[in-house]
Amino acid sequence: MSTPGVNLYGSDPALLSPLAARLLEKGWLKWVIALAASLGAILEVIDTVIANVALPNIRGNLGATLSEAGWISTSYACANVVIIPLSAWLGYRFGRRNYFVFSLIGFTMASLLCGISHSLGMLIFARVLQGLAGGGLLAKAQSIVFEAFPVKERPIAQAIFGLGVIVGPALGPVLGGWLTDNMGWRWIFFINLPMGILAVLMCLTFMPSDRKEDINRTGKVDWTGIGLLAVGLACFQIFLEEGQQEDWFDSNFIRTVAVASVIGIALFIWRELTTEHPAVDLRVLRHRSMIGGSMYSAILGMGLYGIMFAVPVFVQDYLHYTALQSGLVLAPGAVASAIMMVLYGRIGGKFPPRVMIFAGALCTSLTGFLLMNINPNTGTHQLFWPLIARGFGSVMMFMPLSIATLGPLPKKDLAAGAGFYSLTRQLGSSIGIALITTVVVQRQALHRSVLVERISEYRPQFGERMEMLTGAMAPHAGSHQAAHDQALGLVDRIVSGQAMLQSYGDVFLYVALIFIVTLPLLFLLGGNKSNKDASDAAASAH
């Protein structure tokens, strides 16, 4: 582990290649390292969402059902969520640069395997490998970027890293839609090859080698804990991803994975609290800021990524946008995030983290309150400002939260704390998407039943509307009964559309309220340390 406050990349020139040493003298090395590490993080973040827009094409090409195609995303998420809490331990055991480069190589090769897959089984297997490799990129990229800069420039480092992490999910659907429409679905994976190879070459050339004292290959490996973690979290992820489609506990499969998840996680917690060398040190939860930060990290994942999931689904299901058009709807929010990143690099050190998170929560709540008023006339213009507010709010919460959570921790607990913190955000995202899917379906059924009750042949307004619609259909229907049936079908579609609108309005309202209700968690976060000290501590955590 590096020493807080020391610029690792300039502390020992012997660890640098000749070209890196020359760039260090000119002051360019930190920027090149930041670019290489951020490129790896962007690849991982984009691949969590890019495949979703291509699922219809993949289904048709590989002859898969909708539930079978869902495993293309589920398998990646399961592998990702299992490896994230182990990333700190893997980096310590094999070396930070070694593990990051290995993850990049594995991710690139798995992307190639995805692109050449000729069957659904082969594609799902490749996505598992891709998720296992990708899980090691995000946390390590953050620490590498942070340590490339001196302490006073850490807000700039945060902005560089966060730009890709937050903008990536917005740009992923745009890129995926364009590639699928113009070059075929396989290119959503092939596009990773040149960028992955470039990132590997840059890391090998410009990043310093790992110091021998930073690598611990002699420590005991908690294989039991790793196995229990894999079973518990993978089953929990499957429960979230497939629960709604399988009708939750009415399905034997969902009941089985739910029980396996509970048993696996319970045994994992017992194991990690009793073994001398845990794979994930859960004892870090004795720190108050760790409890509050992890809980709020889950809320952050649920709210921010939930909105990113709900908006594209809404515009495709109701407004009938294409995949590319729905991605473009998110573009203004991505631009707002980029602008806020630049501003945060300048003002991030002037405000306590809790103040920034509070302001970001209010912005995100405003997004939900504005979106809950969607109606049949809602279009791109009505979505513009709410998504702008979401873009600003996400940066104001995402960036300082890790500082407020990890800053108060002692150095010996930072690595374990960072792994657990990253896990909660990923789980929050999965839980949020699962909850939104469930709420949309259930609330749509409820609103539809209420609307249907209001439709009666004994209501004069309904009778007048049916006569008008039947008259409009008559010239093309062939008979009065056929025209009447077509008019009823049209009314049914109108009712279903209105119920869908109301269900999405409920979702956006719930997102707004959850950020308001959970604001008291901010009092558990660290607030006594200066931004400089907290940023320095957070940087060394990974």
Protein backbone atom coordinates (compact mmCIF):
# COMPACT_ATOMS: atom_id res chain seq x y z
CA MET A 1 0.00 0.00 0.00
CA SER A 2 1.17 3.49 -0.70
CA THR A 3 1.69 6.13 1.91
CA PRO A 4 -1.00 8.80 2.08
CA GLY A 5 0.17 12.11 0.78
CA VAL A 6 3.02 10.66 -1.30
CA ASN A 7 2.89 10.75 -5.08
CA LEU A 8 3.59 7.08 -5.78
CA TYR A 9 4.48 7.62 -9.41
CA GLY A 10 7.26 10.02 -8.68
CA SER A 11 8.59 8.53 -5.46
CA ASP A 12 10.86 5.89 -7.04
CA PRO A 13 12.11 6.52 -10.60
CA ALA A 14 13.50 2.97 -10.68
CA LEU A 15 9.94 1.71 -10.97
CA LEU A 16 9.38 3.68 -14.19
CA SER A 17 10.21 2.86 -17.79
CA PRO A 18 12.60 5.26 -19.61
CA LEU A 19 9.71 6.84 -21.52
CA ALA A 20 7.65 7.24 -18.34
CA ALA A 21 10.64 8.82 -16.58
CA ARG A 22 10.96 11.41 -19.36
CA LEU A 23 7.25 12.21 -19.16
CA LEU A 24 7.61 12.56 -15.39
CA GLU A 25 10.29 15.20 -15.85
CA LYS A 26 8.00 17.16 -18.16
CA GLY A 27 4.98 16.86 -15.86
CA TRP A 28 2.91 14.79 -18.30
CA LEU A 29 3.10 11.37 -16.67
CA LYS A 30 0.16 11.83 -14.32
CA TRP A 31 -2.14 12.77 -17.21
CA VAL A 32 -1.10 9.76 -19.30
CA ILE A 33 -1.57 7.41 -16.34
CA ALA A 34 -4.97 8.94 -15.60
CA LEU A 35 -6.01 8.43 -19.23
CA ALA A 36 -4.89 4.78 -19.25
CA ALA A 37 -6.59 3.89 -15.97
CA SER A 38 -9.78 5.81 -16.78
CA LEU A 39 -9.99 4.07 -20.15
CA GLY A 40 -10.12 0.73 -18.35
CA ALA A 41 -12.84 1.98 -15.99
CA ILE A 42 -14.90 3.38 -18.90
CA LEU A 43 -14.76 0.03 -20.70
CA GLU A 44 -16.15 -1.74 -17.65
CA VAL A 45 -18.89 0.80 -16.94
CA ILE A 46 -20.11 1.00 -20.55
CA ASP A 47 -20.28 -2.78 -20.86
CA THR A 48 -22.72 -2.97 -17.95
CA VAL A 49 -25.36 -1.24 -20.12
CA ILE A 50 -24.27 -1.45 -23.76
CA ALA A 51 -25.54 -5.00 -24.30
CA ASN A 52 -29.10 -4.19 -23.19
CA VAL A 53 -30.00 -2.25 -26.33
CA ALA A 54 -28.81 -5.12 -28.55
CA LEU A 55 -30.73 -7.92 -26.81
CA PRO A 56 -33.53 -8.10 -29.44
CA ASN A 57 -30.94 -8.53 -32.20
CA ILE A 58 -28.98 -11.10 -30.21
CA ARG A 59 -32.17 -13.06 -29.50
CA GLY A 60 -33.03 -13.23 -33.17
CA ASN A 61 -29.52 -14.17 -34.25
CA LEU A 62 -28.94 -16.89 -31.65
CA GLY A 63 -32.54 -18.14 -31.49
CA ALA A 64 -33.02 -17.35 -27.79
CA THR A 65 -36.17 -16.61 -25.83
CA LEU A 66 -36.57 -13.38 -23.87
CA SER A 67 -35.81 -15.09 -20.53
CA GLU A 68 -32.77 -16.85 -22.01
CA ALA A 69 -31.45 -13.60 -23.48
CA GLY A 70 -31.80 -11.96 -20.08
CA TRP A 71 -28.91 -14.09 -18.86
CA ILE A 72 -26.60 -12.16 -21.19
CA SER A 73 -26.90 -9.24 -18.78
CA THR A 74 -27.50 -11.27 -15.62
CA SER A 75 -24.35 -13.38 -16.02
CA TYR A 76 -22.17 -10.26 -16.35
CA ALA A 77 -23.77 -8.62 -13.31
CA CYS A 78 -23.42 -11.77 -11.18
CA ALA A 79 -19.72 -12.16 -11.97
CA ASN A 80 -19.16 -8.44 -11.44
CA VAL A 81 -20.79 -8.31 -8.03
CA VAL A 82 -18.83 -11.34 -6.80
CA ILE A 83 -15.39 -10.02 -7.75
CA ILE A 84 -15.80 -6.40 -6.59
CA PRO A 85 -15.40 -7.04 -2.83
CA LEU A 86 -12.35 -9.21 -3.56
CA SER A 87 -10.58 -6.60 -5.69
CA ALA A 88 -8.73 -5.01 -2.75
CA TRP A 89 -7.44 -8.38 -1.57
CA LEU A 90 -6.42 -9.44 -5.10
CA GLY A 91 -4.58 -6.17 -5.65
CA TYR A 92 -2.68 -6.59 -2.39
CA ARG A 93 -1.81 -10.23 -3.08
CA PHE A 94 -0.58 -9.83 -6.66
CA GLY A 95 0.23 -6.12 -6.90
CA ARG A 96 -1.96 -3.24 -7.96
CA ARG A 97 -0.57 -2.75 -11.46
CA ASN A 98 -0.23 -6.49 -12.07
CA TYR A 99 -3.87 -7.10 -11.15
CA PHE A 100 -5.14 -4.11 -13.15
CA VAL A 101 -3.23 -5.13 -16.29
CA PHE A 102 -4.34 -8.75 -15.87
CA SER A 103 -7.96 -7.57 -15.58
CA LEU A 104 -7.59 -5.46 -18.73
CA ILE A 105 -6.15 -8.37 -20.69
CA GLY A 106 -8.85 -10.72 -19.42
CA PHE A 107 -11.60 -8.21 -20.23
CA THR A 108 -10.29 -7.67 -23.76
CA MET A 109 -9.97 -11.40 -24.49
CA ALA A 110 -13.43 -12.08 -23.04
CA SER A 111 -14.85 -9.32 -25.28
CA LEU A 112 -13.37 -11.09 -28.31
CA LEU A 113 -14.93 -14.35 -27.16
CA CYS A 114 -18.31 -12.60 -26.79
CA GLY A 115 -18.09 -11.21 -30.31
CA ILE A 116 -17.34 -14.57 -31.95
CA SER A 117 -19.88 -16.55 -29.90
CA HIS A 118 -22.03 -18.80 -32.09
CA SER A 119 -24.40 -20.00 -29.37
CA LEU A 120 -26.18 -18.53 -26.37
CA GLY A 121 -24.29 -20.78 -23.96
CA MET A 122 -20.94 -19.65 -25.32
CA LEU A 123 -21.97 -15.99 -25.09
CA ILE A 124 -23.14 -16.34 -21.48
CA PHE A 125 -19.88 -18.08 -20.52
CA ALA A 126 -17.89 -15.28 -22.18
CA ARG A 127 -19.95 -12.66 -20.34
CA VAL A 128 -19.12 -14.36 -17.02
CA LEU A 129 -15.41 -14.11 -17.85
CA GLN A 130 -15.90 -10.51 -18.91
CA GLY A 131 -17.68 -9.67 -15.65
CA LEU A 132 -14.97 -11.32 -13.52
CA ALA A 133 -12.26 -9.33 -15.30
CA GLY A 134 -14.26 -6.10 -15.41
CA GLY A 135 -14.98 -6.12 -11.68
CA GLY A 136 -11.30 -5.56 -10.99
CA LEU A 137 -11.03 -2.49 -13.21
CA LEU A 138 -13.25 0.09 -11.52
CA ALA A 139 -11.85 0.27 -7.97
CA LYS A 140 -8.24 -0.14 -9.09
CA ALA A 141 -8.62 2.54 -11.75
CA GLN A 142 -9.83 4.97 -9.09
CA SER A 143 -6.84 4.42 -6.82
CA ILE A 144 -4.38 4.57 -9.73
CA VAL A 145 -5.80 7.87 -10.95
CA PHE A 146 -5.81 9.33 -7.42
CA GLU A 147 -2.20 8.41 -6.70
CA ALA A 148 -0.99 9.77 -10.02
CA PHE A 149 -1.70 13.27 -8.70
CA PRO A 150 -0.32 15.13 -5.68
CA VAL A 151 -2.76 15.64 -2.82
CA LYS A 152 -3.68 19.21 -3.74
CA GLU A 153 -4.77 18.06 -7.19
CA ARG A 154 -6.90 15.14 -5.96
CA PRO A 155 -10.21 16.91 -6.81
CA ILE A 156 -9.02 17.06 -10.43
CA ALA A 157 -8.21 13.35 -10.24
CA GLN A 158 -11.69 12.67 -8.88
CA ALA A 159 -13.23 14.62 -11.73
CA ILE A 160 -11.23 12.69 -14.36
CA PHE A 161 -12.21 9.33 -12.92
CA GLY A 162 -15.84 10.24 -12.21
CA LEU A 163 -16.34 11.61 -15.72
CA GLY A 164 -16.12 8.14 -17.22
CA VAL A 165 -17.98 6.38 -14.42
CA ILE A 166 -21.01 8.68 -14.53
CA VAL A 167 -21.10 9.63 -18.23
CA GLY A 168 -20.39 6.04 -19.33
CA PRO A 169 -23.87 4.65 -18.51
CA ALA A 170 -25.46 7.51 -20.46
CA LEU A 171 -23.25 7.10 -23.53
CA GLY A 172 -23.37 3.28 -23.49
CA PRO A 173 -26.90 3.01 -24.92
CA VAL A 174 -26.09 5.58 -27.61
CA LEU A 175 -22.97 3.72 -28.69
CA GLY A 176 -24.67 0.35 -28.43
CA GLY A 177 -27.67 1.49 -30.47
CA TRP A 178 -25.51 2.97 -33.22
CA LEU A 179 -23.24 -0.07 -33.46
CA THR A 180 -26.18 -2.48 -33.48
CA ASP A 181 -28.10 -0.56 -36.13
CA ASN A 182 -25.13 0.03 -38.44
CA MET A 183 -22.60 -2.77 -37.87
CA GLY A 184 -24.37 -5.61 -36.06
CA TRP A 185 -24.58 -6.63 -32.40
CA ARG A 186 -21.17 -8.35 -32.35
CA TRP A 187 -19.48 -4.97 -32.68
CA ILE A 188 -20.67 -3.89 -29.23
CA PHE A 189 -18.02 -6.37 -28.03
CA PHE A 190 -15.45 -5.97 -30.81
CA ILE A 191 -15.25 -2.23 -30.09
CA ASN A 192 -13.52 -3.15 -26.80
CA LEU A 193 -10.56 -4.73 -28.58
CA PRO A 194 -8.69 -1.63 -29.84
CA MET A 195 -9.44 0.33 -26.68
CA GLY A 196 -8.48 -2.60 -24.45
CA ILE A 197 -5.20 -3.21 -26.27
CA LEU A 198 -4.39 0.50 -26.14
CA ALA A 199 -5.09 0.61 -22.39
CA VAL A 200 -2.88 -2.46 -21.76
CA LEU A 201 0.04 -1.00 -23.72
CA MET A 202 -0.29 2.36 -21.97
CA CYS A 203 -0.40 0.72 -18.52
CA LEU A 204 2.64 -1.45 -19.20
CA THR A 205 4.58 1.51 -20.58
CA PHE A 206 3.69 4.32 -18.20
CA MET A 207 2.55 2.85 -14.89
CA PRO A 208 5.28 2.10 -12.34
CA SER A 209 6.00 -1.50 -11.47
CA ASP A 210 4.67 -2.82 -8.17
CA ARG A 211 7.13 -2.66 -5.29
CA LYS A 212 8.06 -6.00 -3.77
CA GLU A 213 6.95 -4.89 -0.33
CA ASP A 214 3.47 -4.10 -1.72
CA ILE A 215 2.93 -7.68 -2.90
CA ASN A 216 1.97 -10.41 -0.45
CA ARG A 217 1.87 -13.85 -2.05
CA THR A 218 2.53 -15.77 1.14
CA GLY A 219 -0.68 -14.95 3.04
CA LYS A 220 -3.40 -17.54 3.53
CA VAL A 221 -6.26 -17.61 1.05
CA ASP A 222 -9.79 -17.74 2.45
CA TRP A 223 -11.16 -20.06 -0.21
CA THR A 224 -14.14 -20.98 1.95
CA GLY A 225 -15.12 -17.33 2.33
CA ILE A 226 -14.65 -16.71 -1.40
CA GLY A 227 -16.86 -19.70 -2.24
CA LEU A 228 -19.62 -18.66 0.15
CA LEU A 229 -19.47 -15.09 -1.19
CA ALA A 230 -19.77 -16.34 -4.77
CA VAL A 231 -22.79 -18.53 -3.95
CA GLY A 232 -24.56 -15.95 -1.78
CA LEU A 233 -24.15 -12.90 -4.01
CA ALA A 234 -24.60 -14.74 -7.32
CA CYS A 235 -27.88 -16.26 -6.10
CA PHE A 236 -29.00 -12.88 -4.75
CA GLN A 237 -28.23 -11.23 -8.09
CA ILE A 238 -30.17 -13.94 -9.95
CA PHE A 239 -33.07 -13.46 -7.52
CA LEU A 240 -33.16 -9.74 -8.32
CA GLU A 241 -32.70 -10.09 -12.08
CA GLU A 242 -35.15 -12.94 -12.67
CA GLY A 243 -37.67 -12.49 -9.83
CA GLN A 244 -40.21 -10.33 -11.65
CA GLN A 245 -40.13 -12.43 -14.81
CA GLU A 246 -40.57 -15.67 -12.82
CA ASP A 247 -43.38 -14.17 -10.68
CA TRP A 248 -41.19 -14.09 -7.58
CA PHE A 249 -42.00 -16.68 -4.90
CA ASP A 250 -44.58 -18.45 -7.03
CA SER A 251 -41.59 -19.94 -8.86
CA ASN A 252 -39.69 -22.93 -7.43
CA PHE A 253 -36.53 -21.62 -9.07
CA ILE A 254 -36.79 -18.21 -7.38
CA ARG A 255 -37.53 -19.81 -4.01
CA THR A 256 -34.46 -22.01 -4.40
CA VAL A 257 -32.07 -19.20 -5.25
CA ALA A 258 -33.54 -17.04 -2.47
CA VAL A 259 -32.87 -19.74 0.13
CA ALA A 260 -29.40 -20.37 -1.31
CA SER A 261 -28.68 -16.64 -1.17
CA VAL A 262 -29.75 -16.29 2.47
CA ILE A 263 -27.77 -19.36 3.56
CA GLY A 264 -24.70 -18.40 1.53
CA ILE A 265 -24.59 -14.80 2.79
CA ALA A 266 -25.27 -15.84 6.40
CA LEU A 267 -22.47 -18.44 6.35
CA PHE A 268 -20.19 -15.92 4.62
CA ILE A 269 -20.77 -13.32 7.35
CA TRP A 270 -20.10 -15.93 10.06
CA ARG A 271 -16.95 -17.09 8.29
CA GLU A 272 -15.52 -13.62 7.73
CA LEU A 273 -16.13 -12.58 11.35
CA THR A 274 -14.44 -15.68 12.78
CA THR A 275 -11.49 -16.38 10.48
CA GLU A 276 -8.07 -14.81 11.03
CA HIS A 277 -7.50 -13.97 7.34
CA PRO A 278 -10.89 -12.99 5.83
CA ALA A 279 -11.29 -12.39 2.10
CA VAL A 280 -13.59 -9.46 2.95
CA ASP A 281 -13.03 -7.90 6.36
CA LEU A 282 -16.54 -7.09 7.62
CA ARG A 283 -15.14 -5.71 10.86
CA VAL A 284 -14.83 -2.33 9.13
CA LEU A 285 -18.54 -1.86 9.81
CA ARG A 286 -17.63 -0.95 13.38
CA HIS A 287 -16.91 2.52 12.00
CA ARG A 288 -19.96 4.80 11.97
CA SER A 289 -19.05 6.48 8.66
CA MET A 290 -18.71 3.07 7.02
CA ILE A 291 -22.24 2.09 8.02
CA GLY A 292 -23.80 5.36 6.88
CA GLY A 293 -21.72 5.61 3.71
CA SER A 294 -22.41 2.04 2.63
CA MET A 295 -26.13 2.43 3.20
CA TYR A 296 -26.19 5.69 1.28
CA SER A 297 -24.04 4.13 -1.45
CA ALA A 298 -26.76 1.51 -1.93
CA ILE A 299 -29.39 4.26 -2.05
CA LEU A 300 -27.25 6.12 -4.58
CA GLY A 301 -27.03 3.04 -6.79
CA MET A 302 -30.77 2.42 -6.52
CA GLY A 303 -31.77 5.99 -7.35
CA LEU A 304 -29.25 7.12 -9.94
CA TYR A 305 -29.00 3.91 -11.90
CA GLY A 306 -32.72 3.30 -11.43
CA ILE A 307 -33.51 6.53 -13.27
CA MET A 308 -31.00 5.61 -15.97
CA PHE A 309 -32.86 2.31 -16.39
CA ALA A 310 -36.42 3.67 -16.21
CA VAL A 311 -36.11 6.57 -18.67
CA PRO A 312 -34.88 4.54 -21.70
CA VAL A 313 -37.47 1.83 -21.02
CA PHE A 314 -40.22 4.46 -20.79
CA VAL A 315 -39.32 6.23 -24.04
CA GLN A 316 -39.04 2.91 -25.90
CA ASP A 317 -42.23 1.36 -24.48
CA TYR A 318 -44.46 4.45 -24.57
CA LEU A 319 -42.93 6.89 -27.03
CA HIS A 320 -41.72 4.04 -29.30
CA TYR A 321 -38.20 5.42 -29.63
CA THR A 322 -35.46 3.30 -31.18
CA ALA A 323 -32.51 2.17 -29.10
CA LEU A 324 -30.36 4.93 -30.56
CA GLN A 325 -33.02 7.60 -30.01
CA SER A 326 -33.49 6.56 -26.38
CA GLY A 327 -29.75 6.77 -25.86
CA LEU A 328 -29.68 10.27 -27.33
CA VAL A 329 -32.35 11.35 -24.82
CA LEU A 330 -29.77 10.73 -22.07
CA ALA A 331 -27.00 12.68 -23.80
CA PRO A 332 -27.82 16.13 -22.30
CA GLY A 333 -27.58 14.64 -18.81
CA ALA A 334 -24.18 13.21 -19.70
CA VAL A 335 -23.03 16.65 -20.85
CA ALA A 336 -24.31 18.15 -17.59
CA SER A 337 -22.29 15.55 -15.65
CA ALA A 338 -19.18 16.44 -17.62
CA ILE A 339 -19.65 20.16 -16.90
CA MET A 340 -20.18 19.45 -13.21
CA MET A 341 -17.02 17.34 -13.17
CA VAL A 342 -15.02 20.31 -14.32
CA LEU A 343 -16.66 22.53 -11.71
CA TYR A 344 -16.11 19.95 -8.98
CA GLY A 345 -12.42 19.85 -9.78
CA ARG A 346 -12.31 23.56 -8.89
CA ILE A 347 -14.74 23.77 -5.96
CA GLY A 348 -14.62 20.24 -4.52
CA GLY A 349 -12.06 21.13 -1.88
CA LYS A 350 -13.95 24.21 -0.67
CA PHE A 351 -17.04 22.48 0.72
CA PRO A 352 -17.43 19.63 3.24
CA PRO A 353 -18.47 16.35 1.55
CA ARG A 354 -21.76 16.22 3.44
CA VAL A 355 -22.79 19.61 2.06
CA MET A 356 -22.11 18.51 -1.51
CA ILE A 357 -23.99 15.23 -1.01
CA PHE A 358 -26.96 17.09 0.48
CA ALA A 359 -27.11 19.45 -2.51
CA GLY A 360 -26.81 16.52 -4.92
CA ALA A 361 -29.64 14.65 -3.17
CA LEU A 362 -31.92 17.67 -3.54
CA CYS A 363 -31.07 17.90 -7.27
CA THR A 364 -31.81 14.21 -7.76
CA SER A 365 -35.07 14.52 -5.83
CA LEU A 366 -36.01 17.42 -8.09
CA THR A 367 -35.43 15.12 -11.06
CA GLY A 368 -37.91 12.61 -9.67
CA PHE A 369 -40.53 15.26 -8.84
CA LEU A 370 -40.30 16.72 -12.36
CA LEU A 371 -40.46 13.34 -14.08
CA MET A 372 -43.48 12.18 -12.08
CA ASN A 373 -45.60 14.65 -14.08
CA ILE A 374 -45.13 12.80 -17.37
CA ASN A 375 -48.24 12.73 -19.55
CA PRO A 376 -49.29 11.72 -23.09
CA ASN A 377 -47.66 14.89 -24.43
CA THR A 378 -44.29 14.22 -22.79
CA GLY A 379 -41.42 14.19 -25.24
CA THR A 380 -37.73 14.94 -25.48
CA HIS A 381 -38.17 18.60 -24.47
CA GLN A 382 -40.04 17.70 -21.27
CA LEU A 383 -37.29 15.23 -20.31
CA PHE A 384 -34.44 17.66 -20.96
CA TRP A 385 -34.31 19.67 -17.72
CA PRO A 386 -35.04 16.79 -15.33
CA LEU A 387 -32.14 14.82 -16.81
CA ILE A 388 -29.92 17.92 -16.61
CA ALA A 389 -30.71 18.11 -12.89
CA ARG A 390 -29.92 14.41 -12.57
CA GLY A 391 -26.57 14.96 -14.30
CA PHE A 392 -25.55 17.69 -11.86
CA GLY A 393 -26.88 15.87 -8.80
CA SER A 394 -25.16 12.59 -9.55
CA VAL A 395 -21.73 14.21 -9.61
CA MET A 396 -22.36 16.14 -6.39
CA MET A 397 -23.22 12.88 -4.61
CA PHE A 398 -20.95 10.35 -6.26
CA MET A 399 -17.66 12.19 -5.90
CA PRO A 400 -17.65 13.27 -2.22
CA LEU A 401 -19.45 10.20 -0.84
CA SER A 402 -16.35 7.98 -0.99
CA ILE A 403 -14.37 10.72 0.77
CA ALA A 404 -16.93 11.08 3.56
CA THR A 405 -17.24 7.30 3.95
CA LEU A 406 -13.61 6.21 3.81
CA GLY A 407 -11.88 9.34 5.07
CA PRO A 408 -12.43 8.70 8.81
CA LEU A 409 -11.18 5.08 8.60
CA PRO A 410 -7.69 4.19 9.88
CA LYS A 411 -5.26 3.17 7.17
CA LYS A 412 -5.33 -0.54 8.07
CA ASP A 413 -9.10 -0.69 7.37
CA LEU A 414 -9.17 1.32 4.15
CA ALA A 415 -8.74 -1.49 1.64
CA ALA A 416 -11.47 -3.63 3.19
CA GLY A 417 -13.74 -0.60 3.55
CA ALA A 418 -13.33 0.38 -0.09
CA GLY A 419 -14.19 -3.12 -1.32
CA PHE A 420 -17.35 -3.28 0.79
CA TYR A 421 -18.32 0.27 -0.21
CA SER A 422 -18.05 -0.56 -3.93
CA LEU A 423 -20.10 -3.71 -3.38
CA THR A 424 -22.99 -1.79 -1.80
CA ARG A 425 -23.21 0.60 -4.76
CA GLN A 426 -23.32 -2.30 -7.22
CA LEU A 427 -25.93 -4.15 -5.18
CA GLY A 428 -27.95 -0.95 -4.82
CA SER A 429 -28.05 -0.62 -8.59
CA SER A 430 -29.30 -4.20 -9.00
CA ILE A 431 -31.87 -3.81 -6.24
CA GLY A 432 -33.08 -0.51 -7.72
CA ILE A 433 -33.58 -1.97 -11.19
CA ALA A 434 -35.38 -5.02 -9.78
CA LEU A 435 -37.65 -2.84 -7.64
CA ILE A 436 -38.44 -0.49 -10.52
CA THR A 437 -39.35 -3.41 -12.77
CA THR A 438 -41.64 -4.82 -10.09
CA VAL A 439 -43.24 -1.47 -9.26
CA VAL A 440 -43.93 -0.67 -12.92
CA VAL A 441 -45.66 -4.01 -13.49
CA GLN A 442 -47.69 -3.99 -10.27
CA ARG A 443 -48.67 -0.32 -10.35
CA GLN A 444 -49.59 -0.56 -14.03
CA ALA A 445 -51.96 -3.44 -13.22
CA LEU A 446 -53.44 -1.45 -10.32
CA HIS A 447 -53.93 1.74 -12.36
CA ARG A 448 -55.42 -0.25 -15.21
CA SER A 449 -57.98 -1.88 -12.92
CA VAL A 450 -58.97 1.54 -11.53
CA LEU A 451 -59.33 3.00 -15.03
CA VAL A 452 -61.35 0.02 -16.27
CA GLU A 453 -63.78 0.44 -13.37
CA ARG A 454 -64.49 3.95 -14.62
CA ILE A 455 -65.39 2.68 -18.10
CA SER A 456 -69.04 1.66 -18.27
CA GLU A 457 -71.64 1.52 -20.98
CA TYR A 458 -73.95 3.35 -18.58
CA ARG A 459 -71.70 6.43 -18.56
CA PRO A 460 -72.90 8.92 -21.20
CA GLN A 461 -69.39 10.12 -21.95
CA PHE A 462 -68.17 6.59 -22.68
CA GLY A 463 -71.15 5.84 -24.87
CA GLU A 464 -70.60 9.01 -26.90
CA ARG A 465 -66.88 8.21 -27.31
CA MET A 466 -67.63 4.63 -28.44
CA GLU A 467 -70.16 5.83 -31.00
CA MET A 468 -67.64 8.32 -32.38
CA LEU A 469 -64.86 5.72 -32.57
CA THR A 470 -67.16 3.08 -34.07
CA GLY A 471 -68.25 5.55 -36.72
CA ALA A 472 -64.64 6.35 -37.53
CA MET A 473 -63.78 2.64 -37.87
CA ALA A 474 -66.90 1.68 -39.88
CA PRO A 475 -65.64 2.63 -43.39
CA HIS A 476 -62.68 0.25 -43.01
CA ALA A 477 -64.14 -2.50 -40.79
CA GLY A 478 -66.70 -4.10 -43.11
CA SER A 479 -69.41 -4.40 -40.48
CA HIS A 480 -70.77 -2.54 -37.49
CA GLN A 481 -69.66 -5.31 -35.08
CA ALA A 482 -66.12 -5.31 -36.46
CA ALA A 483 -66.00 -1.51 -36.14
CA HIS A 484 -67.23 -1.78 -32.55
CA ASP A 485 -64.57 -4.40 -31.72
CA GLN A 486 -61.85 -2.22 -33.22
CA ALA A 487 -63.08 0.74 -31.20
CA LEU A 488 -62.94 -1.36 -28.01
CA GLY A 489 -59.39 -2.41 -28.90
CA LEU A 490 -58.40 1.22 -29.31
CA VAL A 491 -59.90 2.11 -25.93
CA ASP A 492 -58.02 -0.81 -24.38
CA ARG A 493 -54.70 0.49 -25.79
CA ILE A 494 -55.48 3.98 -24.50
CA VAL A 495 -56.22 2.62 -21.02
CA SER A 496 -53.04 0.51 -21.03
CA GLY A 497 -50.97 3.50 -22.13
CA GLN A 498 -52.43 5.72 -19.42
CA ALA A 499 -51.81 3.03 -16.80
CA MET A 500 -48.20 2.77 -17.97
CA LEU A 501 -47.77 6.53 -17.67
CA GLN A 502 -49.12 6.54 -14.13
CA SER A 503 -46.90 3.61 -13.11
CA TYR A 504 -43.75 5.39 -14.29
CA GLY A 505 -44.93 8.52 -12.52
CA ASP A 506 -45.11 6.46 -9.33
CA VAL A 507 -41.57 5.17 -9.87
CA PHE A 508 -40.12 8.65 -10.28
CA LEU A 509 -42.01 9.85 -7.20
CA TYR A 510 -40.60 6.99 -5.12
CA VAL A 511 -37.06 7.79 -6.30
CA ALA A 512 -37.52 11.42 -5.25
CA LEU A 513 -38.88 10.47 -1.85
CA ILE A 514 -36.18 7.92 -1.07
CA PHE A 515 -33.46 10.57 -1.42
CA ILE A 516 -35.40 12.89 0.90
CA VAL A 517 -36.17 10.23 3.51
CA THR A 518 -32.57 8.94 3.68
CA LEU A 519 -30.96 12.35 4.20
CA PRO A 520 -30.46 11.66 7.96
CA LEU A 521 -27.86 9.04 6.97
CA LEU A 522 -25.55 11.95 6.16
CA PHE A 523 -25.08 12.55 9.89
CA LEU A 524 -23.29 9.19 10.10
CA LEU A 525 -20.70 10.22 7.53
CA GLY A 526 -17.31 11.64 8.37
CA GLY A 527 -17.41 15.40 8.64
CA ASN A 528 -14.51 16.37 10.87
CA LYS A 529 -11.61 15.70 8.56
CA SER A 530 -10.62 18.24 5.97
CA ASN A 531 -11.32 17.42 2.35
CA LYS A 532 -7.59 17.14 1.79
CA ASP A 533 -7.08 14.50 4.47
CA ALA A 534 -10.22 12.58 3.60
CA SER A 535 -9.42 12.57 -0.11
CA ASP A 536 -5.93 11.35 0.64
CA ALA A 537 -7.29 8.55 2.78
CA ALA A 538 -9.89 7.52 0.22
CA ALA A 539 -7.27 7.45 -2.50
CA SER A 540 -5.10 5.00 -0.63
CA ALA A 541 -8.01 2.72 0.14
CA HIS A 542 -8.09 0.83 -3.10
